């Protein structure tokens, strides 16, 4: 049987050799017919700790590696990354 392959976004890389990948899919509501988004998080094995937050990655189903981890990161589709936003804290003093 072929292994399933999913594409998602890395949302966490805090644990050693593991990334959390958010996979979104669109489904049609059975009664109303509206297209709605469904998402699920998967723990995927990242041997070299090379994937960062915001990366779009391809994950592949594997044998169970740990209690919650049965997926492995195959490759990076799009390099992402968290962008820092500068906050302008200079507040003009209101006239009294």
C-alpha atoms as a PDB file:
ATOM      1  CA  UNK A   1       0.000   0.000   0.000  1.00  0.00           C
ATOM      2  CA  UNK A   2       1.426   3.430  -0.893  1.00  0.00           C
ATOM      3  CA  UNK A   3       2.329   5.833   1.882  1.00  0.00           C
ATOM      4  CA  UNK A   4       0.170   8.936   2.311  1.00  0.00           C
ATOM      5  CA  UNK A   5       1.838  12.278   1.615  1.00  0.00           C
ATOM      6  CA  UNK A   6       0.436  15.551   2.969  1.00  0.00           C
ATOM      7  CA  UNK A   7       1.504  19.189   2.605  1.00  0.00           C
ATOM      8  CA  UNK A   8       1.303  21.583   5.543  1.00  0.00           C
ATOM      9  CA  UNK A   9       2.903  24.452   7.433  1.00  0.00           C
ATOM     10  CA  UNK A  10       5.352  24.059  10.328  1.00  0.00           C
ATOM     11  CA  UNK A  11       3.762  25.636  13.413  1.00  0.00           C
ATOM     12  CA  UNK A  12       6.223  24.494  16.094  1.00  0.00           C
ATOM     13  CA  UNK A  13       9.790  23.197  16.214  1.00  0.00           C
ATOM     14  CA  UNK A  14      10.437  23.397  19.947  1.00  0.00           C
ATOM     15  CA  UNK A  15      10.882  19.669  20.541  1.00  0.00           C
ATOM     16  CA  UNK A  16      14.070  17.828  19.568  1.00  0.00           C
ATOM     17  CA  UNK A  17      13.882  16.103  16.158  1.00  0.00           C
ATOM     18  CA  UNK A  18      10.138  16.847  15.876  1.00  0.00           C
ATOM     19  CA  UNK A  19       8.079  19.492  14.114  1.00  0.00           C
ATOM     20  CA  UNK A  20       4.360  20.119  14.359  1.00  0.00           C
ATOM     21  CA  UNK A  21       2.757  20.479  10.943  1.00  0.00           C
ATOM     22  CA  UNK A  22      -0.679  22.042  10.377  1.00  0.00           C
ATOM     23  CA  UNK A  23      -2.474  20.476   7.405  1.00  0.00           C
ATOM     24  CA  UNK A  24      -5.577  22.237   6.071  1.00  0.00           C
ATOM     25  CA  UNK A  25      -8.124  20.749   3.711  1.00  0.00           C
ATOM     26  CA  UNK A  26     -11.332  22.090   2.202  1.00  0.00           C
ATOM     27  CA  UNK A  27     -14.526  20.042   2.355  1.00  0.00           C
ATOM     28  CA  UNK A  28     -18.070  20.648   1.282  1.00  0.00           C
ATOM     29  CA  UNK A  29     -20.629  20.808   4.093  1.00  0.00           C
ATOM     30  CA  UNK A  30     -22.943  17.799   3.701  1.00  0.00           C
ATOM     31  CA  UNK A  31     -26.207  19.719   4.158  1.00  0.00           C
ATOM     32  CA  UNK A  32     -25.544  23.344   3.239  1.00  0.00           C
ATOM     33  CA  UNK A  33     -22.970  22.830   0.496  1.00  0.00           C
ATOM     34  CA  UNK A  34     -20.651  25.597   1.692  1.00  0.00           C
ATOM     35  CA  UNK A  35     -16.923  24.955   1.343  1.00  0.00           C
ATOM     36  CA  UNK A  36     -15.350  24.947   4.825  1.00  0.00           C
ATOM     37  CA  UNK A  37     -11.770  24.532   6.026  1.00  0.00           C
ATOM     38  CA  UNK A  38     -10.778  21.648   8.282  1.00  0.00           C
ATOM     39  CA  UNK A  39      -7.334  21.490   9.861  1.00  0.00           C
ATOM     40  CA  UNK A  40      -5.352  18.920  11.784  1.00  0.00           C
ATOM     41  CA  UNK A  41      -1.907  18.963  13.398  1.00  0.00           C
ATOM     42  CA  UNK A  42       0.589  16.155  12.889  1.00  0.00           C
ATOM     43  CA  UNK A  43       3.871  15.498  14.704  1.00  0.00           C
ATOM     44  CA  UNK A  44       6.557  14.732  12.116  1.00  0.00           C
ATOM     45  CA  UNK A  45      10.116  13.471  12.524  1.00  0.00           C
ATOM     46  CA  UNK A  46      12.840  15.994  11.624  1.00  0.00           C
ATOM     47  CA  UNK A  47      16.184  14.239  12.129  1.00  0.00           C
ATOM     48  CA  UNK A  48      18.448  17.264  11.568  1.00  0.00           C
ATOM     49  CA  UNK A  49      16.222  19.955  13.166  1.00  0.00           C
ATOM     50  CA  UNK A  50      16.425  21.864   9.873  1.00  0.00           C
ATOM     51  CA  UNK A  51      12.826  23.067   9.417  1.00  0.00           C
ATOM     52  CA  UNK A  52      11.715  26.410  10.842  1.00  0.00           C
ATOM     53  CA  UNK A  53       8.399  28.068  11.661  1.00  0.00           C
ATOM     54  CA  UNK A  54       6.413  28.995   8.574  1.00  0.00           C
ATOM     55  CA  UNK A  55       8.062  26.488   6.226  1.00  0.00           C
ATOM     56  CA  UNK A  56       5.666  24.642   3.946  1.00  0.00           C
ATOM     57  CA  UNK A  57       6.757  20.998   4.045  1.00  0.00           C
ATOM     58  CA  UNK A  58       5.747  17.647   2.606  1.00  0.00           C
ATOM     59  CA  UNK A  59       5.277  14.884   5.216  1.00  0.00           C
ATOM     60  CA  UNK A  60       5.091  11.145   4.610  1.00  0.00           C
ATOM     61  CA  UNK A  61       3.415   8.436   6.655  1.00  0.00           C
ATOM     62  CA  UNK A  62       5.875   6.052   8.357  1.00  0.00           C
ATOM     63  CA  UNK A  63       5.918   3.379  11.003  1.00  0.00           C
ATOM     64  CA  UNK A  64       5.246   4.680  14.540  1.00  0.00           C
ATOM     65  CA  UNK A  65       8.336   6.478  15.782  1.00  0.00           C
ATOM     66  CA  UNK A  66       6.911   7.423  19.193  1.00  0.00           C
ATOM     67  CA  UNK A  67       3.536   7.578  20.944  1.00  0.00           C
ATOM     68  CA  UNK A  68       2.310  10.565  18.915  1.00  0.00           C
ATOM     69  CA  UNK A  69       4.704  10.577  15.947  1.00  0.00           C
ATOM     70  CA  UNK A  70       4.060   8.464  12.850  1.00  0.00           C
ATOM     71  CA  UNK A  71       5.026  10.927  10.089  1.00  0.00           C
ATOM     72  CA  UNK A  72       8.404  12.050   8.725  1.00  0.00           C
ATOM     73  CA  UNK A  73       9.268  15.273   6.920  1.00  0.00           C
ATOM     74  CA  UNK A  74      10.144  14.453   3.330  1.00  0.00           C
ATOM     75  CA  UNK A  75      11.225  17.845   1.998  1.00  0.00           C
ATOM     76  CA  UNK A  76      10.596  21.599   2.049  1.00  0.00           C
ATOM     77  CA  UNK A  77       8.162  22.932  -0.528  1.00  0.00           C
ATOM     78  CA  UNK A  78       8.412  26.658   0.293  1.00  0.00           C
ATOM     79  CA  UNK A  79      10.793  28.281   2.745  1.00  0.00           C
ATOM     80  CA  UNK A  80       8.842  30.461   5.137  1.00  0.00           C
ATOM     81  CA  UNK A  81       9.959  31.978   8.352  1.00  0.00           C
ATOM     82  CA  UNK A  82       8.546  34.289  10.924  1.00  0.00           C
ATOM     83  CA  UNK A  83       8.892  37.930  10.016  1.00  0.00           C
ATOM     84  CA  UNK A  84       9.628  40.404  12.758  1.00  0.00           C
ATOM     85  CA  UNK A  85       7.377  43.433  12.846  1.00  0.00           C
ATOM     86  CA  UNK A  86       8.759  46.622  14.336  1.00  0.00           C
ATOM     87  CA  UNK A  87       6.442  48.436  16.665  1.00  0.00           C
ATOM     88  CA  UNK A  88       6.593  52.214  16.657  1.00  0.00           C
ATOM     89  CA  UNK A  89       6.346  53.041  20.342  1.00  0.00           C
ATOM     90  CA  UNK A  90       6.874  56.776  19.963  1.00  0.00           C
ATOM     91  CA  UNK A  91       3.545  58.135  21.143  1.00  0.00           C
ATOM     92  CA  UNK A  92       2.908  61.822  20.611  1.00  0.00           C
ATOM     93  CA  UNK A  93       1.971  63.431  23.906  1.00  0.00           C
ATOM     94  CA  UNK A  94      -1.548  64.767  23.865  1.00  0.00           C
ATOM     95  CA  UNK A  95      -1.865  68.492  24.563  1.00  0.00           C
ATOM     96  CA  UNK A  96      -3.145  69.242  28.043  1.00  0.00           C
END
